[in-house]
Amino acid sequence: MKIVQMLGSVAVAALLVSGCAKPPTEQVAAAEKAVLEAQQSGATMYAAQDYAKLEGALAAIKSEVTEQDGKFALLRDYGKAEQLATSTKADAERVKADAIKKKEEAKVGALQAHQVAQDAVKATLDLVAKAPVGKDRAAVEAIKSDVEALKASLNQVQLAIDKEDYLSAQTQSKAIQEKSQAVSAEIQNALAKVGKGKPSAAKKK
């Protein structure tokens, strides 16, 4: 009889031990680390939607763990939280790789756009030197002021590139290029009005 009672006590103790589930601390920490690495890789900018989902997944994990923590020890089940943590870690690693790829592509695009903007500003500066003054001195001075502003804007593009904000650098470069082209067209129209917009015709022998 005593042996049966002892065995029964052991069985109950084993049930209690197995029933006291522990939160998946390591898995959750690994998921958080993976999400942080995704953020540091530029995911907030280059994979924003996917990164937002990762943040939502982390919140869901913490909510699930908190819910299970509030239950009676024998009723706790952290299986769902563990699964969420594992899948979130895998998703974060994928988002990190995708962000790195998109960031590199954006870098190439930003450098190219910056060069195009520089060339456009230079071409405009060359035209400014040919701009007729005459009675339109105020207009020419205004154009020169616009071009100087464009030159200053190129510095802002370089700062964006230095900060690895390649998307902003591309946007700014495009705006500079378009503005330069508009100013150039304005100068060319002015040159055409005074007969300097076209090369002089060759004299007939």
Protein backbone atom coordinates (compact mmCIF):
# COMPACT_ATOMS: atom_id res chain seq x y z
CA MET A 1 0.00 0.00 0.00
CA LYS A 2 2.80 2.38 0.87
CA ILE A 3 4.54 1.54 -2.38
CA VAL A 4 1.38 2.39 -4.32
CA GLN A 5 1.07 5.69 -2.45
CA MET A 6 4.71 6.48 -3.12
CA LEU A 7 4.29 5.72 -6.81
CA GLY A 8 1.17 7.87 -6.86
CA SER A 9 3.05 10.75 -5.25
CA VAL A 10 5.86 10.43 -7.80
CA ALA A 11 3.35 10.45 -10.64
CA VAL A 12 1.65 13.58 -9.29
CA ALA A 13 5.03 15.29 -8.85
CA ALA A 14 6.00 14.38 -12.40
CA LEU A 15 2.69 15.76 -13.66
CA LEU A 16 3.23 19.00 -11.80
CA VAL A 17 6.74 19.39 -13.17
CA SER A 18 5.68 18.66 -16.73
CA GLY A 19 2.60 20.84 -16.38
CA CYS A 20 4.57 23.91 -15.31
CA ALA A 21 5.46 25.11 -18.81
CA LYS A 22 8.21 27.69 -19.14
CA PRO A 23 8.07 30.65 -21.51
CA PRO A 24 10.27 30.34 -24.64
CA THR A 25 12.71 33.00 -23.42
CA GLU A 26 15.55 31.99 -25.74
CA GLN A 27 13.35 31.79 -28.83
CA VAL A 28 11.78 35.17 -28.10
CA ALA A 29 15.21 36.73 -27.56
CA ALA A 30 16.43 35.25 -30.85
CA ALA A 31 13.40 36.68 -32.66
CA GLU A 32 13.96 40.12 -31.14
CA LYS A 33 17.63 40.02 -32.11
CA ALA A 34 16.77 39.07 -35.71
CA VAL A 35 14.22 41.90 -35.95
CA LEU A 36 16.77 44.38 -34.59
CA GLU A 37 19.32 43.24 -37.17
CA ALA A 38 16.70 43.71 -39.90
CA GLN A 39 16.11 47.24 -38.64
CA GLN A 40 19.84 48.00 -38.61
CA SER A 41 20.16 46.71 -42.18
CA GLY A 42 17.77 49.43 -43.35
CA ALA A 43 14.51 47.48 -43.38
CA THR A 44 12.55 50.42 -41.96
CA MET A 45 13.32 52.33 -45.16
CA TYR A 46 13.87 49.70 -47.84
CA ALA A 47 11.37 47.04 -46.68
CA ALA A 48 9.00 49.16 -44.61
CA GLN A 49 5.85 47.07 -44.99
CA ASP A 50 7.59 43.80 -44.17
CA TYR A 51 9.34 45.40 -41.20
CA ALA A 52 6.02 46.68 -39.87
CA LYS A 53 4.75 43.09 -39.96
CA LEU A 54 7.76 41.99 -37.93
CA GLU A 55 6.97 44.58 -35.28
CA GLY A 56 3.39 43.32 -35.22
CA ALA A 57 4.62 39.75 -34.82
CA LEU A 58 6.83 40.72 -31.86
CA ALA A 59 3.87 42.41 -30.21
CA ALA A 60 1.78 39.28 -30.76
CA ILE A 61 4.49 37.11 -29.19
CA LYS A 62 4.71 39.30 -26.09
CA SER A 63 0.94 39.38 -25.81
CA GLU A 64 0.74 35.59 -26.01
CA VAL A 65 3.46 35.12 -23.39
CA THR A 66 1.74 37.61 -21.07
CA GLU A 67 -1.57 35.80 -21.52
CA GLN A 68 -0.02 32.45 -20.62
CA ASP A 69 1.84 33.96 -17.66
CA GLY A 70 -1.50 35.04 -16.23
CA LYS A 71 -2.88 31.50 -16.22
CA PHE A 72 -2.63 28.90 -13.46
CA ALA A 73 0.75 27.13 -13.74
CA LEU A 74 -0.70 23.78 -14.80
CA LEU A 75 -2.76 25.40 -17.57
CA ARG A 76 0.04 27.39 -19.20
CA ASP A 77 0.95 26.51 -22.78
CA TYR A 78 3.67 28.50 -24.53
CA GLY A 79 3.56 26.42 -27.70
CA LYS A 80 1.93 29.15 -29.77
CA ALA A 81 4.40 31.77 -28.52
CA GLU A 82 7.31 29.50 -29.36
CA GLN A 83 6.00 28.90 -32.88
CA LEU A 84 5.48 32.63 -33.40
CA ALA A 85 9.00 33.38 -32.18
CA THR A 86 10.52 30.80 -34.51
CA SER A 87 8.59 32.00 -37.56
CA THR A 88 9.29 35.66 -36.74
CA LYS A 89 13.02 34.97 -36.54
CA ALA A 90 12.94 33.33 -39.98
CA ASP A 91 10.88 36.18 -41.43
CA ALA A 92 13.25 38.77 -39.96
CA GLU A 93 16.25 37.08 -41.56
CA ARG A 94 14.47 37.12 -44.92
CA VAL A 95 13.50 40.79 -44.55
CA LYS A 96 17.08 41.66 -43.59
CA ALA A 97 18.46 40.02 -46.73
CA ASP A 98 15.82 41.75 -48.88
CA ALA A 99 16.54 45.13 -47.31
CA ILE A 100 20.28 44.79 -47.88
CA LYS A 101 19.67 43.97 -51.55
CA LYS A 102 17.25 46.88 -52.07
CA LYS A 103 19.55 49.26 -50.22
CA GLU A 104 22.45 48.38 -52.50
CA GLU A 105 20.26 48.86 -55.57
CA ALA A 106 19.14 52.23 -54.20
CA LYS A 107 22.76 53.22 -53.60
CA VAL A 108 23.66 52.55 -57.23
CA GLY A 109 20.60 54.49 -58.37
CA ALA A 110 21.41 57.42 -56.07
CA LEU A 111 24.99 57.70 -57.29
CA GLN A 112 23.87 57.64 -60.90
CA ALA A 113 21.13 60.20 -60.28
CA HIS A 114 23.59 62.45 -58.44
CA GLN A 115 25.98 62.36 -61.40
CA VAL A 116 23.17 63.18 -63.84
CA ALA A 117 22.12 66.11 -61.63
CA GLN A 118 25.71 67.38 -61.47
CA ASP A 119 26.00 67.25 -65.26
CA ALA A 120 22.68 69.07 -65.63
CA VAL A 121 23.75 71.85 -63.27
CA LYS A 122 27.11 72.20 -65.06
CA ALA A 123 25.37 72.47 -68.43
CA THR A 124 23.08 75.12 -67.02
CA LEU A 125 26.03 77.07 -65.60
CA ASP A 126 27.66 77.04 -69.03
CA LEU A 127 24.49 78.48 -70.54
CA VAL A 128 24.23 81.15 -67.86
CA ALA A 129 27.61 82.47 -68.96
CA LYS A 130 26.12 83.00 -72.44
CA ALA A 131 22.87 84.55 -71.25
CA PRO A 132 22.18 87.98 -72.81
CA VAL A 133 21.94 90.80 -70.31
CA GLY A 134 20.64 93.92 -72.05
CA LYS A 135 17.38 95.19 -70.61
CA ASP A 136 16.74 91.85 -68.85
CA ARG A 137 19.55 92.20 -66.29
CA ALA A 138 17.17 91.50 -63.39
CA ALA A 139 15.85 88.35 -65.06
CA VAL A 140 19.39 87.10 -65.75
CA GLU A 141 20.41 87.75 -62.15
CA ALA A 142 17.35 85.80 -61.00
CA ILE A 143 18.36 82.89 -63.22
CA LYS A 144 21.91 82.99 -61.86
CA SER A 145 20.50 82.91 -58.34
CA ASP A 146 18.41 79.85 -59.23
CA VAL A 147 21.47 78.04 -60.58
CA GLU A 148 23.51 78.85 -57.47
CA ALA A 149 20.68 77.38 -55.40
CA LEU A 150 20.84 74.24 -57.53
CA LYS A 151 24.58 73.96 -56.85
CA ALA A 152 23.89 74.20 -53.12
CA SER A 153 21.22 71.51 -53.46
CA LEU A 154 23.84 69.12 -54.82
CA ASN A 155 25.54 69.31 -51.42
CA GLN A 156 22.31 68.18 -49.78
CA VAL A 157 22.21 65.19 -52.10
CA GLN A 158 25.75 64.26 -51.09
CA LEU A 159 24.79 64.51 -47.42
CA ALA A 160 21.86 62.15 -48.01
CA ILE A 161 24.19 59.68 -49.73
CA ASP A 162 26.66 59.92 -46.84
CA LYS A 163 23.81 59.10 -44.44
CA GLU A 164 22.84 56.14 -46.66
CA ASP A 165 19.46 57.75 -47.30
CA TYR A 166 19.63 56.74 -50.93
CA LEU A 167 15.92 57.12 -51.68
CA SER A 168 15.95 60.78 -50.64
CA ALA A 169 19.15 61.30 -52.63
CA GLN A 170 17.45 59.96 -55.76
CA THR A 171 14.38 62.15 -55.24
CA GLN A 172 16.45 65.28 -54.65
CA SER A 173 18.70 64.56 -57.64
CA LYS A 174 15.72 64.15 -59.94
CA ALA A 175 14.27 67.47 -58.75
CA ILE A 176 17.60 69.22 -59.36
CA GLN A 177 17.88 67.72 -62.83
CA GLU A 178 14.36 68.82 -63.77
CA LYS A 179 14.90 72.32 -62.42
CA SER A 180 18.22 72.60 -64.29
CA GLN A 181 16.55 71.57 -67.52
CA ALA A 182 13.81 74.16 -66.99
CA VAL A 183 16.35 76.92 -66.36
CA SER A 184 18.39 75.83 -69.39
CA ALA A 185 15.30 75.96 -71.58
CA GLU A 186 14.58 79.47 -70.31
CA ILE A 187 18.10 80.63 -71.16
CA GLN A 188 18.01 79.00 -74.59
CA ASN A 189 14.76 80.82 -75.36
CA ALA A 190 16.39 84.09 -74.36
CA LEU A 191 19.39 83.34 -76.59
CA ALA A 192 17.12 82.51 -79.49
CA LYS A 193 15.33 85.86 -79.17
CA VAL A 194 18.57 87.76 -79.63
CA GLY A 195 19.76 85.55 -82.43
CA LYS A 196 22.33 83.66 -80.41
CA GLY A 197 20.46 80.43 -80.00
CA LYS A 198 21.74 78.98 -83.28
CA PRO A 199 25.20 78.80 -84.76
CA SER A 200 25.83 81.40 -87.47
CA ALA A 201 25.34 80.15 -91.01
CA ALA A 202 28.46 79.56 -93.08
CA LYS A 203 29.14 82.35 -95.53
CA LYS A 204 28.69 81.53 -99.19
CA LYS A 205 31.72 81.82 -101.39
